[in-house]
Amino acid sequence: MLDRTFCDLLEHIIQRQLKFSSAEAVKGFWCDGVLLPTLEYEYSPKFVNDNREITLTAFVGRSGQGKYTIKLMFGNQALSRYARGLDISNCIPDFQEDGMFEINPSSKEILIQLL
């Protein structure tokens, strides 16, 4: 389920990843919020099942106000839980593995791979 609580959790996780990132390009960055897509259809179970990802908006940067696109990609566990209307917050990985969380300041894009 995607709701305000999940967005707040993503904000906290992005903030933590920025804080501990070794990338010089994001030093001093912080996250000031995550928003769901405007249209509910864009994060409906059918849409997620068909596309396996959704696009959210985050406000990130040294001022916390740069508009970034989050591509939230659903793995099998998250896809299954989402289809059943269950909480997917436990599908957010620890991000110790490469490719599970990426931030690209030049394209203003964040990629998050759920389990």
N, C-alpha and C. Protein backbone atom coordinates (compact mmCIF):
# COMPACT_ATOMS: atom_id res chain seq x y z
N MET A 1 0.85 -1.18 0.00
CA MET A 1 0.00 0.00 0.00
C MET A 1 0.90 1.24 0.00
N LEU A 2 0.54 2.18 -0.84
CA LEU A 2 1.27 3.45 -0.89
C LEU A 2 0.39 4.53 -0.30
N ASP A 3 0.91 5.20 0.72
CA ASP A 3 0.18 6.27 1.39
C ASP A 3 1.20 7.25 1.97
N ARG A 4 0.70 8.19 2.72
CA ARG A 4 1.56 9.22 3.31
C ARG A 4 2.64 8.61 4.22
N THR A 5 2.26 7.58 4.97
CA THR A 5 3.21 6.93 5.86
C THR A 5 4.37 6.31 5.07
N PHE A 6 4.06 5.67 3.94
CA PHE A 6 5.10 5.08 3.10
C PHE A 6 5.99 6.18 2.53
N CYS A 7 5.40 7.28 2.11
CA CYS A 7 6.19 8.41 1.58
C CYS A 7 7.12 8.97 2.65
N ASP A 8 6.63 9.07 3.87
CA ASP A 8 7.46 9.56 4.98
C ASP A 8 8.63 8.60 5.23
N LEU A 9 8.37 7.31 5.13
CA LEU A 9 9.42 6.32 5.30
C LEU A 9 10.47 6.45 4.19
N LEU A 10 10.02 6.60 2.94
CA LEU A 10 10.95 6.79 1.82
C LEU A 10 11.79 8.05 2.02
N GLU A 11 11.16 9.13 2.49
CA GLU A 11 11.90 10.37 2.76
C GLU A 11 13.02 10.11 3.75
N HIS A 12 12.71 9.41 4.82
CA HIS A 12 13.71 9.09 5.85
C HIS A 12 14.83 8.24 5.27
N ILE A 13 14.49 7.25 4.46
CA ILE A 13 15.49 6.36 3.87
C ILE A 13 16.37 7.11 2.88
N ILE A 14 15.78 7.96 2.06
CA ILE A 14 16.57 8.76 1.11
C ILE A 14 17.51 9.67 1.88
N GLN A 15 17.01 10.28 2.94
CA GLN A 15 17.84 11.15 3.77
C GLN A 15 19.03 10.39 4.33
N ARG A 16 18.78 9.18 4.83
CA ARG A 16 19.86 8.36 5.39
C ARG A 16 20.89 7.99 4.31
N GLN A 17 20.40 7.61 3.12
CA GLN A 17 21.31 7.25 2.04
C GLN A 17 22.16 8.44 1.62
N LEU A 18 21.57 9.62 1.58
CA LEU A 18 22.33 10.82 1.22
C LEU A 18 23.39 11.13 2.28
N LYS A 19 23.01 10.99 3.52
CA LYS A 19 23.93 11.30 4.62
C LYS A 19 25.18 10.41 4.60
N PHE A 20 24.99 9.14 4.27
CA PHE A 20 26.11 8.20 4.31
C PHE A 20 26.71 7.92 2.95
N SER A 21 26.28 8.65 1.94
CA SER A 21 26.82 8.45 0.60
C SER A 21 28.27 8.93 0.52
N SER A 22 29.07 8.19 -0.23
CA SER A 22 30.46 8.60 -0.44
C SER A 22 30.59 9.44 -1.70
N ALA A 23 29.50 9.63 -2.44
CA ALA A 23 29.53 10.40 -3.69
C ALA A 23 29.63 11.90 -3.38
N GLU A 24 30.66 12.52 -3.92
CA GLU A 24 30.87 13.95 -3.70
C GLU A 24 29.71 14.80 -4.23
N ALA A 25 29.09 14.33 -5.30
CA ALA A 25 28.02 15.11 -5.95
C ALA A 25 26.80 15.31 -5.06
N VAL A 26 26.62 14.46 -4.04
CA VAL A 26 25.44 14.59 -3.17
C VAL A 26 25.81 14.98 -1.74
N LYS A 27 27.05 15.35 -1.51
CA LYS A 27 27.45 15.80 -0.17
C LYS A 27 26.63 17.04 0.20
N GLY A 28 26.06 17.02 1.37
CA GLY A 28 25.27 18.15 1.84
C GLY A 28 23.82 18.14 1.37
N PHE A 29 23.44 17.13 0.59
CA PHE A 29 22.05 17.03 0.12
C PHE A 29 21.17 16.50 1.25
N TRP A 30 19.92 16.86 1.21
CA TRP A 30 18.94 16.30 2.11
C TRP A 30 17.60 16.22 1.41
N CYS A 31 16.69 15.46 1.96
CA CYS A 31 15.37 15.23 1.34
C CYS A 31 14.31 15.92 2.20
N ASP A 32 13.46 16.69 1.54
CA ASP A 32 12.42 17.45 2.24
C ASP A 32 11.02 16.97 1.90
N GLY A 33 10.88 15.73 1.43
CA GLY A 33 9.55 15.19 1.19
C GLY A 33 9.48 14.33 -0.05
N VAL A 34 8.49 13.42 -0.02
CA VAL A 34 8.20 12.52 -1.14
C VAL A 34 6.70 12.58 -1.39
N LEU A 35 6.33 12.71 -2.65
CA LEU A 35 4.92 12.79 -3.03
C LEU A 35 4.54 11.62 -3.93
N LEU A 36 3.33 11.14 -3.74
CA LEU A 36 2.76 10.12 -4.63
C LEU A 36 2.43 10.74 -5.97
N PRO A 37 2.22 9.92 -7.00
CA PRO A 37 1.76 10.48 -8.29
C PRO A 37 0.42 11.21 -8.09
N THR A 38 0.17 12.18 -8.93
CA THR A 38 -1.04 12.97 -8.83
C THR A 38 -2.29 12.13 -9.08
N LEU A 39 -2.23 11.29 -10.10
CA LEU A 39 -3.37 10.45 -10.44
C LEU A 39 -3.29 9.10 -9.72
N GLU A 40 -4.35 8.74 -9.00
CA GLU A 40 -4.35 7.48 -8.26
C GLU A 40 -4.14 6.29 -9.18
N TYR A 41 -4.61 6.38 -10.42
CA TYR A 41 -4.43 5.28 -11.37
C TYR A 41 -2.95 4.93 -11.53
N GLU A 42 -2.08 5.93 -11.43
CA GLU A 42 -0.65 5.73 -11.66
C GLU A 42 0.03 4.92 -10.56
N TYR A 43 -0.69 4.60 -9.51
CA TYR A 43 -0.15 3.69 -8.50
C TYR A 43 -1.20 2.67 -8.06
N SER A 44 -2.15 2.41 -8.95
CA SER A 44 -3.16 1.38 -8.70
C SER A 44 -2.50 -0.01 -8.82
N PRO A 45 -3.08 -1.01 -8.16
CA PRO A 45 -2.51 -2.36 -8.28
C PRO A 45 -2.39 -2.84 -9.73
N LYS A 46 -3.36 -2.52 -10.57
CA LYS A 46 -3.29 -2.94 -11.97
C LYS A 46 -2.11 -2.27 -12.68
N PHE A 47 -1.95 -0.96 -12.47
CA PHE A 47 -0.85 -0.23 -13.09
C PHE A 47 0.50 -0.80 -12.64
N VAL A 48 0.62 -1.03 -11.33
CA VAL A 48 1.87 -1.57 -10.78
C VAL A 48 2.13 -2.96 -11.34
N ASN A 49 1.10 -3.79 -11.41
CA ASN A 49 1.27 -5.14 -11.96
C ASN A 49 1.71 -5.09 -13.42
N ASP A 50 1.14 -4.20 -14.20
CA ASP A 50 1.47 -4.10 -15.62
C ASP A 50 2.86 -3.51 -15.86
N ASN A 51 3.26 -2.53 -15.03
CA ASN A 51 4.51 -1.79 -15.26
C ASN A 51 5.66 -2.16 -14.34
N ARG A 52 5.35 -2.74 -13.20
CA ARG A 52 6.34 -3.14 -12.20
C ARG A 52 7.14 -1.96 -11.63
N GLU A 53 6.66 -0.77 -11.84
CA GLU A 53 7.31 0.42 -11.26
C GLU A 53 6.32 1.57 -11.24
N ILE A 54 6.58 2.51 -10.36
CA ILE A 54 5.82 3.76 -10.33
C ILE A 54 6.81 4.90 -10.21
N THR A 55 6.33 6.09 -10.55
CA THR A 55 7.16 7.28 -10.47
C THR A 55 6.60 8.21 -9.40
N LEU A 56 7.45 8.55 -8.44
CA LEU A 56 7.09 9.48 -7.38
C LEU A 56 7.95 10.73 -7.53
N THR A 57 7.69 11.72 -6.71
CA THR A 57 8.47 12.95 -6.71
C THR A 57 9.11 13.14 -5.35
N ALA A 58 10.38 13.52 -5.35
CA ALA A 58 11.08 13.83 -4.11
C ALA A 58 11.68 15.22 -4.23
N PHE A 59 11.81 15.88 -3.10
CA PHE A 59 12.45 17.19 -3.06
C PHE A 59 13.79 17.01 -2.35
N VAL A 60 14.85 17.12 -3.16
CA VAL A 60 16.20 16.77 -2.71
C VAL A 60 17.17 17.85 -3.16
N GLY A 61 18.24 18.04 -2.41
CA GLY A 61 19.29 18.95 -2.80
C GLY A 61 19.89 19.62 -1.58
N ARG A 62 20.77 20.55 -1.81
CA ARG A 62 21.37 21.26 -0.67
C ARG A 62 20.33 22.11 0.05
N SER A 63 19.35 22.59 -0.69
CA SER A 63 18.25 23.34 -0.06
C SER A 63 17.07 22.43 0.25
N GLY A 64 17.12 21.19 -0.23
CA GLY A 64 16.00 20.26 -0.04
C GLY A 64 14.84 20.56 -0.95
N GLN A 65 15.02 21.41 -1.96
CA GLN A 65 13.90 21.81 -2.80
C GLN A 65 14.05 21.45 -4.27
N GLY A 66 15.13 20.77 -4.64
CA GLY A 66 15.28 20.32 -6.02
C GLY A 66 14.28 19.21 -6.30
N LYS A 67 13.60 19.29 -7.42
CA LYS A 67 12.58 18.30 -7.76
C LYS A 67 13.23 17.11 -8.45
N TYR A 68 13.16 15.95 -7.81
CA TYR A 68 13.73 14.71 -8.32
C TYR A 68 12.61 13.72 -8.64
N THR A 69 12.85 12.87 -9.62
CA THR A 69 11.94 11.79 -9.95
C THR A 69 12.45 10.53 -9.27
N ILE A 70 11.55 9.84 -8.57
CA ILE A 70 11.89 8.54 -7.98
C ILE A 70 11.25 7.46 -8.84
N LYS A 71 12.06 6.54 -9.33
CA LYS A 71 11.53 5.34 -9.98
C LYS A 71 11.57 4.25 -8.93
N LEU A 72 10.38 3.88 -8.46
CA LEU A 72 10.25 2.83 -7.46
C LEU A 72 9.93 1.53 -8.20
N MET A 73 10.91 0.64 -8.25
CA MET A 73 10.79 -0.59 -9.03
C MET A 73 10.43 -1.75 -8.10
N PHE A 74 9.39 -2.48 -8.48
CA PHE A 74 8.86 -3.54 -7.65
C PHE A 74 9.49 -4.89 -7.97
N GLY A 75 10.10 -5.51 -6.97
CA GLY A 75 10.56 -6.89 -7.10
C GLY A 75 9.39 -7.82 -6.87
N ASN A 76 9.63 -9.11 -6.94
CA ASN A 76 8.53 -10.09 -6.82
C ASN A 76 7.80 -10.03 -5.49
N GLN A 77 8.55 -9.87 -4.40
CA GLN A 77 7.93 -9.82 -3.07
C GLN A 77 7.03 -8.58 -2.94
N ALA A 78 7.54 -7.43 -3.34
CA ALA A 78 6.76 -6.19 -3.26
C ALA A 78 5.54 -6.26 -4.17
N LEU A 79 5.71 -6.80 -5.36
CA LEU A 79 4.61 -6.93 -6.31
C LEU A 79 3.49 -7.80 -5.74
N SER A 80 3.86 -8.90 -5.16
CA SER A 80 2.88 -9.81 -4.57
C SER A 80 2.14 -9.15 -3.41
N ARG A 81 2.88 -8.51 -2.53
CA ARG A 81 2.25 -7.85 -1.38
C ARG A 81 1.35 -6.69 -1.81
N TYR A 82 1.81 -5.92 -2.79
CA TYR A 82 1.03 -4.78 -3.26
C TYR A 82 -0.28 -5.23 -3.90
N ALA A 83 -0.23 -6.30 -4.67
CA ALA A 83 -1.43 -6.83 -5.34
C ALA A 83 -2.47 -7.26 -4.32
N ARG A 84 -2.01 -7.69 -3.14
CA ARG A 84 -2.94 -8.13 -2.09
C ARG A 84 -3.31 -7.01 -1.11
N GLY A 85 -2.84 -5.79 -1.40
CA GLY A 85 -3.17 -4.64 -0.55
C GLY A 85 -2.43 -4.64 0.77
N LEU A 86 -1.28 -5.32 0.82
CA LEU A 86 -0.50 -5.40 2.06
C LEU A 86 0.58 -4.32 2.09
N ASP A 87 1.09 -4.08 3.27
CA ASP A 87 2.16 -3.10 3.47
C ASP A 87 3.42 -3.57 2.75
N ILE A 88 4.06 -2.68 2.01
CA ILE A 88 5.29 -3.04 1.29
C ILE A 88 6.53 -2.41 1.92
N SER A 89 6.38 -1.77 3.06
CA SER A 89 7.53 -1.10 3.67
C SER A 89 8.63 -2.10 4.04
N ASN A 90 8.26 -3.35 4.35
CA ASN A 90 9.29 -4.34 4.67
C ASN A 90 9.97 -4.88 3.41
N CYS A 91 9.55 -4.41 2.24
CA CYS A 91 10.19 -4.78 0.97
C CYS A 91 11.28 -3.78 0.58
N ILE A 92 11.49 -2.77 1.40
CA ILE A 92 12.56 -1.82 1.14
C ILE A 92 13.85 -2.46 1.63
N PRO A 93 14.81 -2.66 0.73
CA PRO A 93 16.04 -3.37 1.13
C PRO A 93 16.95 -2.53 2.01
N ASP A 94 17.96 -3.18 2.52
CA ASP A 94 18.96 -2.54 3.36
C ASP A 94 19.88 -1.62 2.56
N PHE A 95 19.89 -1.77 1.24
CA PHE A 95 20.69 -0.97 0.31
C PHE A 95 22.18 -1.23 0.43
N GLN A 96 22.56 -2.36 1.00
CA GLN A 96 23.98 -2.71 1.03
C GLN A 96 24.43 -3.25 -0.32
N GLU A 97 23.46 -3.77 -1.10
CA GLU A 97 23.78 -4.31 -2.42
C GLU A 97 23.77 -3.19 -3.46
N ASP A 98 24.70 -3.26 -4.39
CA ASP A 98 24.73 -2.29 -5.48
C ASP A 98 23.48 -2.40 -6.34
N GLY A 99 23.01 -1.27 -6.82
CA GLY A 99 21.87 -1.25 -7.72
C GLY A 99 20.52 -1.17 -7.04
N MET A 100 20.49 -1.27 -5.71
CA MET A 100 19.21 -1.20 -5.00
C MET A 100 18.78 0.24 -4.75
N PHE A 101 19.76 1.15 -4.69
CA PHE A 101 19.48 2.58 -4.50
C PHE A 101 20.52 3.35 -5.30
N GLU A 102 20.05 4.20 -6.19
CA GLU A 102 20.96 5.03 -6.97
C GLU A 102 20.39 6.44 -7.05
N ILE A 103 21.26 7.42 -6.97
CA ILE A 103 20.84 8.81 -7.15
C ILE A 103 21.75 9.44 -8.19
N ASN A 104 21.13 10.13 -9.13
CA ASN A 104 21.86 10.78 -10.21
C ASN A 104 21.51 12.27 -10.19
N PRO A 105 22.39 13.10 -9.60
CA PRO A 105 22.09 14.54 -9.50
C PRO A 105 21.98 15.23 -10.86
N SER A 106 22.69 14.76 -11.88
CA SER A 106 22.62 15.44 -13.18
C SER A 106 21.28 15.23 -13.87
N SER A 107 20.68 14.04 -13.72
CA SER A 107 19.37 13.80 -14.32
C SER A 107 18.24 14.00 -13.32
N LYS A 108 18.60 14.28 -12.07
CA LYS A 108 17.64 14.47 -10.97
C LYS A 108 16.70 13.27 -10.87
N GLU A 109 17.34 12.11 -10.79
CA GLU A 109 16.59 10.85 -10.72
C GLU A 109 17.13 9.97 -9.61
N ILE A 110 16.20 9.32 -8.90
CA ILE A 110 16.53 8.36 -7.86
C ILE A 110 15.89 7.03 -8.25
N LEU A 111 16.68 5.97 -8.20
CA LEU A 111 16.16 4.63 -8.49
C LEU A 111 16.17 3.83 -7.20
N ILE A 112 15.02 3.23 -6.87
CA ILE A 112 14.93 2.38 -5.69
C ILE A 112 14.33 1.05 -6.13
N GLN A 113 15.07 -0.02 -5.88
CA GLN A 113 14.62 -1.37 -6.22
C GLN A 113 14.09 -2.04 -4.98
N LEU A 114 12.80 -2.34 -4.96
CA LEU A 114 12.20 -3.06 -3.84
C LEU A 114 12.46 -4.56 -4.01
N LEU A 115 12.38 -5.28 -2.91
CA LEU A 115 12.56 -6.74 -2.95
C LEU A 115 11.39 -7.39 -3.64
